[in-house]
Amino acid sequence: MATSIPIKPIVYLHGEPTVRFEKKEVEVMIHHQDLTLAIVGKFSHGWPDIAFLRNAIPKQCGLKAEVRIGLLCDRHVLIRCTIGEDFDTLMSRQTFEIKEKTRPYLMRTFKWDVSFNPAEESRFAYGWISFPGLSPHYYGESTLFSLAAAVGSPIAIDAATLNKTRPSCARVKVEFDLLKSHPPHVVIQVGEGDGITTELQKIRYDFKPKYCTNCKLQGHDVDGCWNLKPIYGRKKLGTVMVARWRRQRRREVEIGKGKASIPTPSSSNPSQQNPIPTTKALIHAPSNNWTTNHSEKQEKQESKPKTTLKSHRNKIRRPIGTSDSGA
């Protein structure tokens, strides 16, 4: 690897001053700036002072060697690790809780790369996978790395697998590409020619984060993106229906108190010629047919002679065959 990069001349491309670097030179830059084991820490809701973070992150995250921490941009800090063990420690968990006197702060970690953009999160994530029921003779590091390559880039195996104290399951830490599909199993073949035996080995994922290609963030996919579906993840139907019911009830109360008028159909808008009446309108505004029928029934009852108690008794005592005219 080259130790220095020569000064590049300015080249005008379409009238714009341009500087061009080769990929090998970019790798040299990353090495010189100690960014090979660099991690971006992202705070979700506020962040403490950078001087506090320089002391708190190594202690509260269990780092063993020296790290250099600086503010990268709003809510983002750049953590330069000096040993791979600290890098694996920071990438082994999804979130870290950095505690200050007044409140805790949640920090998520992402691997830094040259395409870092504070508005986007990395499409790569670290996680553990397991091979349950794997035969113990496959527990070598190179063998497990060969199996884990079906999922992503293998990083390390856990202590129990390394020390051969858990023969029931082997675990490997891998780097996922969240935009790729991850297989549920891997096929192991042993033998040559016609004597090949095939074994289907299950892969179990401890945690597989989702990635949204719309907003470039981890934690959800396109189907759950709030930018495309703002009310996704809530009780959508219940929330909307309850809100409509409350608005309708407030409107009905205002109409009942005279604070609002019942909407009338607009002559300029034919679609509003037959509006749906509100509940108050249905209760307090009966139809004309009902009023007419009620009036006719009341007139018939008034035209009938009123029967008193005395006339009723006389009618009972009257002999059979007599009438009112002959009495």
C-alpha atoms as a PDB file:
ATOM      1  CA  MET A   1       0.000   0.000   0.000  1.00  0.00           C
ATOM      2  CA  ALA A   2       1.322   3.434  -0.944  1.00  0.00           C
ATOM      3  CA  THR A   3       2.365   5.633   1.965  1.00  0.00           C
ATOM      4  CA  SER A   4       1.551   8.991   0.397  1.00  0.00           C
ATOM      5  CA  ILE A   5      -0.759  10.451  -2.186  1.00  0.00           C
ATOM      6  CA  PRO A   6       0.616  12.941  -4.714  1.00  0.00           C
ATOM      7  CA  ILE A   7      -1.037  16.295  -5.218  1.00  0.00           C
ATOM      8  CA  LYS A   8      -3.596  15.973  -7.975  1.00  0.00           C
ATOM      9  CA  PRO A   9      -3.916  18.507 -10.787  1.00  0.00           C
ATOM     10  CA  ILE A  10      -7.203  20.286 -11.400  1.00  0.00           C
ATOM     11  CA  VAL A  11      -9.032  19.048 -14.488  1.00  0.00           C
ATOM     12  CA  TYR A  12     -11.941  21.002 -15.961  1.00  0.00           C
ATOM     13  CA  LEU A  13     -14.803  18.703 -16.897  1.00  0.00           C
ATOM     14  CA  HIS A  14     -17.784  20.421 -18.556  1.00  0.00           C
ATOM     15  CA  GLY A  15     -16.442  23.691 -17.223  1.00  0.00           C
ATOM     16  CA  GLU A  16     -16.280  22.439 -13.605  1.00  0.00           C
ATOM     17  CA  PRO A  17     -12.973  22.078 -11.703  1.00  0.00           C
ATOM     18  CA  THR A  18     -12.551  18.370 -10.943  1.00  0.00           C
ATOM     19  CA  VAL A  19     -10.132  16.331  -8.816  1.00  0.00           C
ATOM     20  CA  ARG A  20      -9.963  12.589  -9.481  1.00  0.00           C
ATOM     21  CA  PHE A  21      -8.665   9.916  -7.080  1.00  0.00           C
ATOM     22  CA  GLU A  22      -8.193   6.215  -7.646  1.00  0.00           C
ATOM     23  CA  LYS A  23      -9.816   3.596  -5.430  1.00  0.00           C
ATOM     24  CA  LYS A  24      -6.450   2.481  -4.093  1.00  0.00           C
ATOM     25  CA  GLU A  25      -5.715   6.049  -3.068  1.00  0.00           C
ATOM     26  CA  VAL A  26      -9.022   6.225  -1.199  1.00  0.00           C
ATOM     27  CA  GLU A  27      -8.021   3.094   0.728  1.00  0.00           C
ATOM     28  CA  VAL A  28      -4.766   4.807   1.652  1.00  0.00           C
ATOM     29  CA  MET A  29      -6.712   7.841   2.904  1.00  0.00           C
ATOM     30  CA  ILE A  30      -8.906   5.619   5.088  1.00  0.00           C
ATOM     31  CA  HIS A  31      -5.838   3.933   6.563  1.00  0.00           C
ATOM     32  CA  HIS A  32      -4.012   7.202   7.243  1.00  0.00           C
ATOM     33  CA  GLN A  33      -7.041   8.741   8.953  1.00  0.00           C
ATOM     34  CA  ASP A  34      -7.578   5.680  11.208  1.00  0.00           C
ATOM     35  CA  LEU A  35     -11.007   5.000   9.725  1.00  0.00           C
ATOM     36  CA  THR A  36     -10.591   1.267   9.154  1.00  0.00           C
ATOM     37  CA  LEU A  37     -12.378   0.532  12.443  1.00  0.00           C
ATOM     38  CA  ALA A  38     -14.541   3.648  12.506  1.00  0.00           C
ATOM     39  CA  ILE A  39     -18.110   3.606  13.805  1.00  0.00           C
ATOM     40  CA  VAL A  40     -20.852   6.219  13.637  1.00  0.00           C
ATOM     41  CA  GLY A  41     -22.908   6.646  16.796  1.00  0.00           C
ATOM     42  CA  LYS A  42     -26.345   8.130  16.152  1.00  0.00           C
ATOM     43  CA  PHE A  43     -28.492   9.603  18.942  1.00  0.00           C
ATOM     44  CA  SER A  44     -32.237   9.511  18.446  1.00  0.00           C
ATOM     45  CA  HIS A  45     -33.453  12.275  20.786  1.00  0.00           C
ATOM     46  CA  GLY A  46     -30.816  14.810  21.737  1.00  0.00           C
ATOM     47  CA  TRP A  47     -27.219  14.154  22.742  1.00  0.00           C
ATOM     48  CA  PRO A  48     -24.981  15.222  25.638  1.00  0.00           C
ATOM     49  CA  ASP A  49     -21.868  17.350  25.437  1.00  0.00           C
ATOM     50  CA  ILE A  50     -19.031  15.873  23.396  1.00  0.00           C
ATOM     51  CA  ALA A  51     -16.630  16.162  26.350  1.00  0.00           C
ATOM     52  CA  PHE A  52     -18.969  13.972  28.402  1.00  0.00           C
ATOM     53  CA  LEU A  53     -19.251  11.425  25.571  1.00  0.00           C
ATOM     54  CA  ARG A  54     -15.468  11.059  25.306  1.00  0.00           C
ATOM     55  CA  ASN A  55     -15.418   9.734  28.866  1.00  0.00           C
ATOM     56  CA  ALA A  56     -18.821   8.008  29.004  1.00  0.00           C
ATOM     57  CA  ILE A  57     -18.777   5.902  25.826  1.00  0.00           C
ATOM     58  CA  PRO A  58     -15.598   3.900  26.644  1.00  0.00           C
ATOM     59  CA  LYS A  59     -16.745   3.246  30.229  1.00  0.00           C
ATOM     60  CA  GLN A  60     -20.430   2.541  29.664  1.00  0.00           C
ATOM     61  CA  CYS A  61     -19.928   0.509  26.462  1.00  0.00           C
ATOM     62  CA  GLY A  62     -17.188  -1.707  27.907  1.00  0.00           C
ATOM     63  CA  LEU A  63     -14.353  -0.710  25.575  1.00  0.00           C
ATOM     64  CA  LYS A  64     -10.860  -1.954  26.430  1.00  0.00           C
ATOM     65  CA  ALA A  65      -8.512   0.206  24.363  1.00  0.00           C
ATOM     66  CA  GLU A  66      -8.248   3.873  23.540  1.00  0.00           C
ATOM     67  CA  VAL A  67     -10.831   5.363  21.177  1.00  0.00           C
ATOM     68  CA  ARG A  68     -11.080   8.821  19.666  1.00  0.00           C
ATOM     69  CA  ILE A  69     -14.530  10.393  19.626  1.00  0.00           C
ATOM     70  CA  GLY A  70     -15.594  13.558  17.838  1.00  0.00           C
ATOM     71  CA  LEU A  71     -18.803  15.266  16.782  1.00  0.00           C
ATOM     72  CA  LEU A  72     -19.451  14.406  13.143  1.00  0.00           C
ATOM     73  CA  CYS A  73     -22.674  16.381  12.679  1.00  0.00           C
ATOM     74  CA  ASP A  74     -25.962  16.863  14.505  1.00  0.00           C
ATOM     75  CA  ARG A  75     -26.840  13.708  16.483  1.00  0.00           C
ATOM     76  CA  HIS A  76     -23.840  11.836  15.017  1.00  0.00           C
ATOM     77  CA  VAL A  77     -20.460  11.122  16.605  1.00  0.00           C
ATOM     78  CA  LEU A  78     -17.497   9.433  14.936  1.00  0.00           C
ATOM     79  CA  ILE A  79     -15.798   6.757  17.052  1.00  0.00           C
ATOM     80  CA  ARG A  80     -12.341   5.628  15.880  1.00  0.00           C
ATOM     81  CA  CYS A  81     -11.474   2.264  17.428  1.00  0.00           C
ATOM     82  CA  THR A  82      -7.893   1.064  17.668  1.00  0.00           C
ATOM     83  CA  ILE A  83      -8.548  -2.676  18.165  1.00  0.00           C
ATOM     84  CA  GLY A  84     -10.998  -5.009  16.488  1.00  0.00           C
ATOM     85  CA  GLU A  85     -12.424  -6.221  19.802  1.00  0.00           C
ATOM     86  CA  ASP A  86     -13.796  -2.771  20.627  1.00  0.00           C
ATOM     87  CA  PHE A  87     -15.166  -2.488  17.113  1.00  0.00           C
ATOM     88  CA  ASP A  88     -16.995  -5.810  17.541  1.00  0.00           C
ATOM     89  CA  THR A  89     -18.294  -4.720  20.952  1.00  0.00           C
ATOM     90  CA  LEU A  90     -19.863  -1.562  19.571  1.00  0.00           C
ATOM     91  CA  MET A  91     -21.344  -3.391  16.600  1.00  0.00           C
ATOM     92  CA  SER A  92     -22.658  -6.337  18.628  1.00  0.00           C
ATOM     93  CA  ARG A  93     -25.695  -4.469  19.973  1.00  0.00           C
ATOM     94  CA  GLN A  94     -28.429  -2.470  18.293  1.00  0.00           C
ATOM     95  CA  THR A  95     -28.572   0.294  20.915  1.00  0.00           C
ATOM     96  CA  PHE A  96     -26.499   1.581  23.817  1.00  0.00           C
ATOM     97  CA  GLU A  97     -27.854   3.628  26.699  1.00  0.00           C
ATOM     98  CA  ILE A  98     -25.472   6.451  27.577  1.00  0.00           C
ATOM     99  CA  LYS A  99     -26.485   7.648  31.038  1.00  0.00           C
ATOM    100  CA  GLU A 100     -25.985  11.201  32.201  1.00  0.00           C
ATOM    101  CA  LYS A 101     -27.011  12.637  35.568  1.00  0.00           C
ATOM    102  CA  THR A 102     -30.279  14.087  34.328  1.00  0.00           C
ATOM    103  CA  ARG A 103     -31.354  11.560  31.691  1.00  0.00           C
ATOM    104  CA  PRO A 104     -30.249   8.606  29.535  1.00  0.00           C
ATOM    105  CA  TYR A 105     -29.505   8.919  25.817  1.00  0.00           C
ATOM    106  CA  LEU A 106     -30.027   6.111  23.308  1.00  0.00           C
ATOM    107  CA  MET A 107     -27.217   5.627  20.801  1.00  0.00           C
ATOM    108  CA  ARG A 108     -27.301   3.334  17.770  1.00  0.00           C
ATOM    109  CA  THR A 109     -24.116   2.271  16.022  1.00  0.00           C
ATOM    110  CA  PHE A 110     -23.383   1.918  12.307  1.00  0.00           C
ATOM    111  CA  LYS A 111     -20.256   1.020  10.425  1.00  0.00           C
ATOM    112  CA  TRP A 112     -18.672   4.084   8.837  1.00  0.00           C
ATOM    113  CA  ASP A 113     -17.913   4.014   5.117  1.00  0.00           C
ATOM    114  CA  VAL A 114     -16.943   6.556   2.471  1.00  0.00           C
ATOM    115  CA  SER A 115     -20.567   6.932   1.353  1.00  0.00           C
ATOM    116  CA  PHE A 116     -21.713   8.124   4.782  1.00  0.00           C
ATOM    117  CA  ASN A 117     -24.645  10.532   4.644  1.00  0.00           C
ATOM    118  CA  PRO A 118     -26.210  11.860   7.879  1.00  0.00           C
ATOM    119  CA  ALA A 119     -29.647  11.825   6.239  1.00  0.00           C
ATOM    120  CA  GLU A 120     -29.329   8.099   5.442  1.00  0.00           C
ATOM    121  CA  GLU A 121     -28.469   5.044   7.492  1.00  0.00           C
ATOM    122  CA  SER A 122     -26.165   2.272   6.363  1.00  0.00           C
ATOM    123  CA  ARG A 123     -27.664  -0.688   4.549  1.00  0.00           C
ATOM    124  CA  PHE A 124     -25.230  -2.958   6.404  1.00  0.00           C
ATOM    125  CA  ALA A 125     -25.796  -4.266   9.920  1.00  0.00           C
ATOM    126  CA  TYR A 126     -24.131  -6.718  12.274  1.00  0.00           C
ATOM    127  CA  GLY A 127     -25.957  -9.627  13.869  1.00  0.00           C
ATOM    128  CA  TRP A 128     -25.673 -13.166  15.173  1.00  0.00           C
ATOM    129  CA  ILE A 129     -26.829 -16.291  13.372  1.00  0.00           C
ATOM    130  CA  SER A 130     -27.048 -19.809  14.794  1.00  0.00           C
ATOM    131  CA  PHE A 131     -26.802 -23.302  13.350  1.00  0.00           C
ATOM    132  CA  PRO A 132     -28.963 -25.431  15.682  1.00  0.00           C
ATOM    133  CA  GLY A 133     -28.264 -29.146  15.676  1.00  0.00           C
ATOM    134  CA  LEU A 134     -25.059 -28.780  13.666  1.00  0.00           C
ATOM    135  CA  SER A 135     -22.756 -31.757  14.053  1.00  0.00           C
ATOM    136  CA  PRO A 136     -19.809 -30.909  16.362  1.00  0.00           C
ATOM    137  CA  HIS A 137     -17.182 -31.795  13.758  1.00  0.00           C
ATOM    138  CA  TYR A 138     -18.241 -28.668  11.807  1.00  0.00           C
ATOM    139  CA  TYR A 139     -17.369 -26.328  14.711  1.00  0.00           C
ATOM    140  CA  GLY A 140     -14.035 -25.174  13.336  1.00  0.00           C
ATOM    141  CA  GLU A 141     -13.750 -21.453  12.629  1.00  0.00           C
ATOM    142  CA  SER A 142     -13.027 -21.844   8.920  1.00  0.00           C
ATOM    143  CA  THR A 143     -15.876 -24.349   8.533  1.00  0.00           C
ATOM    144  CA  LEU A 144     -18.377 -22.096  10.300  1.00  0.00           C
ATOM    145  CA  PHE A 145     -17.214 -19.105   8.260  1.00  0.00           C
ATOM    146  CA  SER A 146     -17.853 -21.128   5.103  1.00  0.00           C
ATOM    147  CA  LEU A 147     -21.425 -21.850   6.227  1.00  0.00           C
ATOM    148  CA  ALA A 148     -22.041 -18.276   7.401  1.00  0.00           C
ATOM    149  CA  ALA A 149     -20.936 -16.891   4.030  1.00  0.00           C
ATOM    150  CA  ALA A 150     -24.369 -17.921   2.721  1.00  0.00           C
ATOM    151  CA  VAL A 151     -25.814 -15.055   4.795  1.00  0.00           C
ATOM    152  CA  GLY A 152     -23.134 -12.359   4.734  1.00  0.00           C
ATOM    153  CA  SER A 153     -19.556 -11.603   5.668  1.00  0.00           C
ATOM    154  CA  PRO A 154     -18.563 -13.635   8.772  1.00  0.00           C
ATOM    155  CA  ILE A 155     -16.877 -11.644  11.530  1.00  0.00           C
ATOM    156  CA  ALA A 156     -16.358 -13.910  14.549  1.00  0.00           C
ATOM    157  CA  ILE A 157     -17.709 -16.892  16.482  1.00  0.00           C
ATOM    158  CA  ASP A 158     -18.940 -16.639  20.057  1.00  0.00           C
ATOM    159  CA  ALA A 159     -16.974 -17.798  23.102  1.00  0.00           C
ATOM    160  CA  ALA A 160     -19.063 -20.927  23.756  1.00  0.00           C
ATOM    161  CA  THR A 161     -18.515 -22.137  20.199  1.00  0.00           C
ATOM    162  CA  LEU A 162     -14.832 -21.302  20.342  1.00  0.00           C
ATOM    163  CA  ASN A 163     -14.362 -23.097  23.688  1.00  0.00           C
ATOM    164  CA  LYS A 164     -16.454 -26.117  22.583  1.00  0.00           C
ATOM    165  CA  THR A 165     -18.757 -25.839  25.618  1.00  0.00           C
ATOM    166  CA  ARG A 166     -22.061 -25.765  23.712  1.00  0.00           C
ATOM    167  CA  PRO A 167     -22.190 -28.595  21.145  1.00  0.00           C
ATOM    168  CA  SER A 168     -25.930 -28.145  20.555  1.00  0.00           C
ATOM    169  CA  CYS A 169     -25.646 -24.905  18.563  1.00  0.00           C
ATOM    170  CA  ALA A 170     -22.929 -22.885  16.840  1.00  0.00           C
ATOM    171  CA  ARG A 171     -23.175 -19.085  16.635  1.00  0.00           C
ATOM    172  CA  VAL A 172     -21.423 -16.751  14.203  1.00  0.00           C
ATOM    173  CA  LYS A 173     -21.482 -12.971  13.925  1.00  0.00           C
ATOM    174  CA  VAL A 174     -21.999 -11.776  10.361  1.00  0.00           C
ATOM    175  CA  GLU A 175     -22.365  -8.510   8.498  1.00  0.00           C
ATOM    176  CA  PHE A 176     -25.746  -8.360   6.741  1.00  0.00           C
ATOM    177  CA  ASP A 177     -26.576  -6.556   3.558  1.00  0.00           C
ATOM    178  CA  LEU A 178     -30.146  -5.571   4.435  1.00  0.00           C
ATOM    179  CA  LEU A 179     -31.130  -5.160   0.785  1.00  0.00           C
ATOM    180  CA  LYS A 180     -30.420  -8.810   0.015  1.00  0.00           C
ATOM    181  CA  SER A 181     -32.556 -11.831   0.869  1.00  0.00           C
ATOM    182  CA  HIS A 182     -31.321 -14.079   3.656  1.00  0.00           C
ATOM    183  CA  PRO A 183     -31.756 -17.861   3.262  1.00  0.00           C
ATOM    184  CA  PRO A 184     -33.497 -19.928   5.970  1.00  0.00           C
ATOM    185  CA  HIS A 185     -31.041 -22.817   5.532  1.00  0.00           C
ATOM    186  CA  VAL A 186     -27.821 -23.898   3.844  1.00  0.00           C
ATOM    187  CA  VAL A 187     -27.168 -27.202   2.076  1.00  0.00           C
ATOM    188  CA  ILE A 188     -24.114 -29.223   3.158  1.00  0.00           C
ATOM    189  CA  GLN A 189     -22.804 -31.826   0.746  1.00  0.00           C
ATOM    190  CA  VAL A 190     -20.169 -34.405   1.638  1.00  0.00           C
ATOM    191  CA  GLY A 191     -18.510 -36.886  -0.717  1.00  0.00           C
ATOM    192  CA  GLU A 192     -17.530 -37.186  -4.342  1.00  0.00           C
ATOM    193  CA  GLY A 193     -19.119 -38.551  -7.466  1.00  0.00           C
ATOM    194  CA  ASP A 194     -22.069 -40.829  -6.840  1.00  0.00           C
ATOM    195  CA  GLY A 195     -21.384 -41.066  -3.110  1.00  0.00           C
ATOM    196  CA  ILE A 196     -22.443 -37.512  -2.227  1.00  0.00           C
ATOM    197  CA  THR A 197     -24.623 -37.118   0.846  1.00  0.00           C
ATOM    198  CA  THR A 198     -26.752 -34.015   1.310  1.00  0.00           C
ATOM    199  CA  GLU A 199     -27.760 -32.385   4.589  1.00  0.00           C
ATOM    200  CA  LEU A 200     -30.085 -29.418   5.083  1.00  0.00           C
ATOM    201  CA  GLN A 201     -28.836 -27.183   7.894  1.00  0.00           C
ATOM    202  CA  LYS A 202     -31.248 -24.645   9.400  1.00  0.00           C
ATOM    203  CA  ILE A 203     -30.124 -21.037   9.952  1.00  0.00           C
ATOM    204  CA  ARG A 204     -31.622 -19.131  12.861  1.00  0.00           C
ATOM    205  CA  TYR A 205     -31.361 -15.336  13.016  1.00  0.00           C
ATOM    206  CA  ASP A 206     -31.148 -13.697  16.429  1.00  0.00           C
ATOM    207  CA  PHE A 207     -32.200 -10.353  14.987  1.00  0.00           C
ATOM    208  CA  LYS A 208     -32.585  -9.262  11.385  1.00  0.00           C
ATOM    209  CA  PRO A 209     -33.301  -5.523  11.069  1.00  0.00           C
ATOM    210  CA  LYS A 210     -35.396  -4.170   8.236  1.00  0.00           C
ATOM    211  CA  TYR A 211     -34.308  -1.439   5.830  1.00  0.00           C
ATOM    212  CA  CYS A 212     -36.471   1.092   4.008  1.00  0.00           C
ATOM    213  CA  THR A 213     -35.352   1.923   0.482  1.00  0.00           C
ATOM    214  CA  ASN A 214     -37.611   4.989   0.467  1.00  0.00           C
ATOM    215  CA  CYS A 215     -36.284   6.963   3.445  1.00  0.00           C
ATOM    216  CA  LYS A 216     -32.961   5.053   3.738  1.00  0.00           C
ATOM    217  CA  LEU A 217     -33.442   4.188   7.413  1.00  0.00           C
ATOM    218  CA  GLN A 218     -33.155   0.974   9.397  1.00  0.00           C
ATOM    219  CA  GLY A 219     -35.965  -0.413  11.542  1.00  0.00           C
ATOM    220  CA  HIS A 220     -38.762  -0.711   8.960  1.00  0.00           C
ATOM    221  CA  ASP A 221     -39.299  -1.583   5.312  1.00  0.00           C
ATOM    222  CA  VAL A 222     -41.183   0.123   2.483  1.00  0.00           C
ATOM    223  CA  ASP A 223     -44.477  -1.455   3.543  1.00  0.00           C
ATOM    224  CA  GLY A 224     -44.130   0.190   6.945  1.00  0.00           C
ATOM    225  CA  CYS A 225     -42.728   3.557   5.833  1.00  0.00           C
ATOM    226  CA  TRP A 226     -44.525   6.443   7.546  1.00  0.00           C
ATOM    227  CA  ASN A 227     -43.599   8.775   4.704  1.00  0.00           C
ATOM    228  CA  LEU A 228     -45.656   6.654   2.309  1.00  0.00           C
ATOM    229  CA  LYS A 229     -48.357   5.670   4.836  1.00  0.00           C
ATOM    230  CA  PRO A 230     -48.383   8.302   7.606  1.00  0.00           C
ATOM    231  CA  ILE A 231     -50.773   6.388   9.857  1.00  0.00           C
ATOM    232  CA  TYR A 232     -49.131   2.996   9.403  1.00  0.00           C
ATOM    233  CA  GLY A 233     -48.435   1.163  12.621  1.00  0.00           C
ATOM    234  CA  ARG A 234     -51.303   2.737  14.531  1.00  0.00           C
ATOM    235  CA  LYS A 235     -54.777   1.332  14.960  1.00  0.00           C
ATOM    236  CA  LYS A 236     -55.589   2.850  11.608  1.00  0.00           C
ATOM    237  CA  LEU A 237     -59.225   1.945  11.212  1.00  0.00           C
ATOM    238  CA  GLY A 238     -60.109   2.556  14.842  1.00  0.00           C
ATOM    239  CA  THR A 239     -58.294   5.890  14.986  1.00  0.00           C
ATOM    240  CA  VAL A 240     -59.925   7.228  11.833  1.00  0.00           C
ATOM    241  CA  MET A 241     -63.417   6.036  12.726  1.00  0.00           C
ATOM    242  CA  VAL A 242     -63.248   7.399  16.276  1.00  0.00           C
ATOM    243  CA  ALA A 243     -62.044  10.763  14.985  1.00  0.00           C
ATOM    244  CA  ARG A 244     -64.919  10.930  12.492  1.00  0.00           C
ATOM    245  CA  TRP A 245     -67.432   9.928  15.153  1.00  0.00           C
ATOM    246  CA  ARG A 246     -66.174  12.639  17.521  1.00  0.00           C
ATOM    247  CA  ARG A 247     -66.367  15.308  14.836  1.00  0.00           C
ATOM    248  CA  GLN A 248     -69.903  14.196  13.975  1.00  0.00           C
ATOM    249  CA  ARG A 249     -70.982  14.295  17.626  1.00  0.00           C
ATOM    250  CA  ARG A 250     -69.539  17.780  18.138  1.00  0.00           C
ATOM    251  CA  ARG A 251     -71.383  18.943  15.041  1.00  0.00           C
ATOM    252  CA  GLU A 252     -74.661  17.473  16.267  1.00  0.00           C
ATOM    253  CA  VAL A 253     -74.286  19.119  19.676  1.00  0.00           C
ATOM    254  CA  GLU A 254     -73.649  22.485  18.046  1.00  0.00           C
ATOM    255  CA  ILE A 255     -76.739  22.052  15.851  1.00  0.00           C
ATOM    256  CA  GLY A 256     -78.843  21.146  18.892  1.00  0.00           C
ATOM    257  CA  LYS A 257     -77.665  24.250  20.784  1.00  0.00           C
ATOM    258  CA  GLY A 258     -78.231  26.491  17.783  1.00  0.00           C
ATOM    259  CA  LYS A 259     -74.553  27.277  17.372  1.00  0.00           C
ATOM    260  CA  ALA A 260     -74.474  25.740  13.901  1.00  0.00           C
ATOM    261  CA  SER A 261     -76.958  25.300  11.102  1.00  0.00           C
ATOM    262  CA  ILE A 262     -77.897  22.134   9.293  1.00  0.00           C
ATOM    263  CA  PRO A 263     -76.128  22.115   5.906  1.00  0.00           C
ATOM    264  CA  THR A 264     -78.468  22.634   2.960  1.00  0.00           C
ATOM    265  CA  PRO A 265     -77.920  21.335  -0.567  1.00  0.00           C
ATOM    266  CA  SER A 266     -76.093  23.709  -2.840  1.00  0.00           C
ATOM    267  CA  SER A 267     -77.817  24.572  -6.082  1.00  0.00           C
ATOM    268  CA  SER A 268     -74.475  25.085  -7.760  1.00  0.00           C
ATOM    269  CA  ASN A 269     -73.275  21.618  -6.863  1.00  0.00           C
ATOM    270  CA  PRO A 270     -75.576  18.842  -8.147  1.00  0.00           C
ATOM    271  CA  SER A 271     -73.753  16.253  -6.030  1.00  0.00           C
ATOM    272  CA  GLN A 272     -75.101  17.965  -2.893  1.00  0.00           C
ATOM    273  CA  GLN A 273     -78.772  17.951  -3.896  1.00  0.00           C
ATOM    274  CA  ASN A 274     -79.538  15.047  -1.533  1.00  0.00           C
ATOM    275  CA  PRO A 275     -77.258  15.464   1.493  1.00  0.00           C
ATOM    276  CA  ILE A 276     -77.280  12.870   4.230  1.00  0.00           C
ATOM    277  CA  PRO A 277     -79.038  14.365   7.279  1.00  0.00           C
ATOM    278  CA  THR A 278     -77.388  14.289  10.678  1.00  0.00           C
ATOM    279  CA  THR A 279     -78.755  12.389  13.645  1.00  0.00           C
ATOM    280  CA  LYS A 280     -80.265  15.557  15.134  1.00  0.00           C
ATOM    281  CA  ALA A 281     -81.956  16.344  11.871  1.00  0.00           C
ATOM    282  CA  LEU A 282     -83.489  12.883  11.760  1.00  0.00           C
ATOM    283  CA  ILE A 283     -84.793  13.185  15.329  1.00  0.00           C
ATOM    284  CA  HIS A 284     -86.052  16.774  15.357  1.00  0.00           C
ATOM    285  CA  ALA A 285     -87.211  17.132  11.762  1.00  0.00           C
ATOM    286  CA  PRO A 286     -89.960  14.500  11.117  1.00  0.00           C
ATOM    287  CA  SER A 287     -91.275  13.979   7.622  1.00  0.00           C
ATOM    288  CA  ASN A 288     -94.473  15.637   6.243  1.00  0.00           C
ATOM    289  CA  ASN A 289     -96.182  12.263   5.801  1.00  0.00           C
ATOM    290  CA  TRP A 290     -95.864  11.550   9.487  1.00  0.00           C
ATOM    291  CA  THR A 291     -97.381  14.968  10.369  1.00  0.00           C
ATOM    292  CA  THR A 292    -100.352  14.488   7.997  1.00  0.00           C
ATOM    293  CA  ASN A 293    -101.180  11.023   9.277  1.00  0.00           C
ATOM    294  CA  HIS A 294    -100.939  12.174  12.856  1.00  0.00           C
ATOM    295  CA  SER A 295    -103.350  15.107  12.231  1.00  0.00           C
ATOM    296  CA  GLU A 296    -105.965  12.893  10.528  1.00  0.00           C
ATOM    297  CA  LYS A 297    -105.864  10.417  13.382  1.00  0.00           C
ATOM    298  CA  GLN A 298    -106.296  13.189  15.936  1.00  0.00           C
ATOM    299  CA  GLU A 299    -109.348  14.632  14.072  1.00  0.00           C
ATOM    300  CA  LYS A 300    -111.085  11.226  14.028  1.00  0.00           C
ATOM    301  CA  GLN A 301    -110.594  10.857  17.742  1.00  0.00           C
ATOM    302  CA  GLU A 302    -112.064  14.338  18.434  1.00  0.00           C
ATOM    303  CA  SER A 303    -115.170  13.648  16.265  1.00  0.00           C
ATOM    304  CA  LYS A 304    -116.174  10.626  18.360  1.00  0.00           C
ATOM    305  CA  PRO A 305    -118.582  11.332  21.321  1.00  0.00           C
ATOM    306  CA  LYS A 306    -116.931  11.206  24.680  1.00  0.00           C
ATOM    307  CA  THR A 307    -118.105   8.353  26.920  1.00  0.00           C
ATOM    308  CA  THR A 308    -118.587   9.223  30.605  1.00  0.00           C
ATOM    309  CA  LEU A 309    -118.832   6.810  33.531  1.00  0.00           C
ATOM    310  CA  LYS A 310    -122.597   7.478  33.975  1.00  0.00           C
ATOM    311  CA  SER A 311    -123.462   6.793  30.346  1.00  0.00           C
ATOM    312  CA  HIS A 312    -121.386   3.655  30.472  1.00  0.00           C
ATOM    313  CA  ARG A 313    -123.344   2.369  33.525  1.00  0.00           C
ATOM    314  CA  ASN A 314    -126.715   3.149  31.882  1.00  0.00           C
ATOM    315  CA  LYS A 315    -125.645   1.248  28.797  1.00  0.00           C
ATOM    316  CA  ILE A 316    -124.876  -1.788  30.902  1.00  0.00           C
ATOM    317  CA  ARG A 317    -128.219  -1.669  32.836  1.00  0.00           C
ATOM    318  CA  ARG A 318    -130.385  -1.145  29.685  1.00  0.00           C
ATOM    319  CA  PRO A 319    -132.605  -4.179  28.917  1.00  0.00           C
ATOM    320  CA  ILE A 320    -131.968  -6.195  25.825  1.00  0.00           C
ATOM    321  CA  GLY A 321    -133.880  -5.008  22.758  1.00  0.00           C
ATOM    322  CA  THR A 322    -134.112  -1.348  23.845  1.00  0.00           C
ATOM    323  CA  SER A 323    -132.346   1.532  22.186  1.00  0.00           C
ATOM    324  CA  ASP A 324    -131.428   5.089  23.111  1.00  0.00           C
ATOM    325  CA  SER A 325    -134.434   6.500  21.210  1.00  0.00           C
ATOM    326  CA  GLY A 326    -136.945   4.280  22.999  1.00  0.00           C
ATOM    327  CA  ALA A 327    -135.607   4.940  26.503  1.00  0.00           C
END
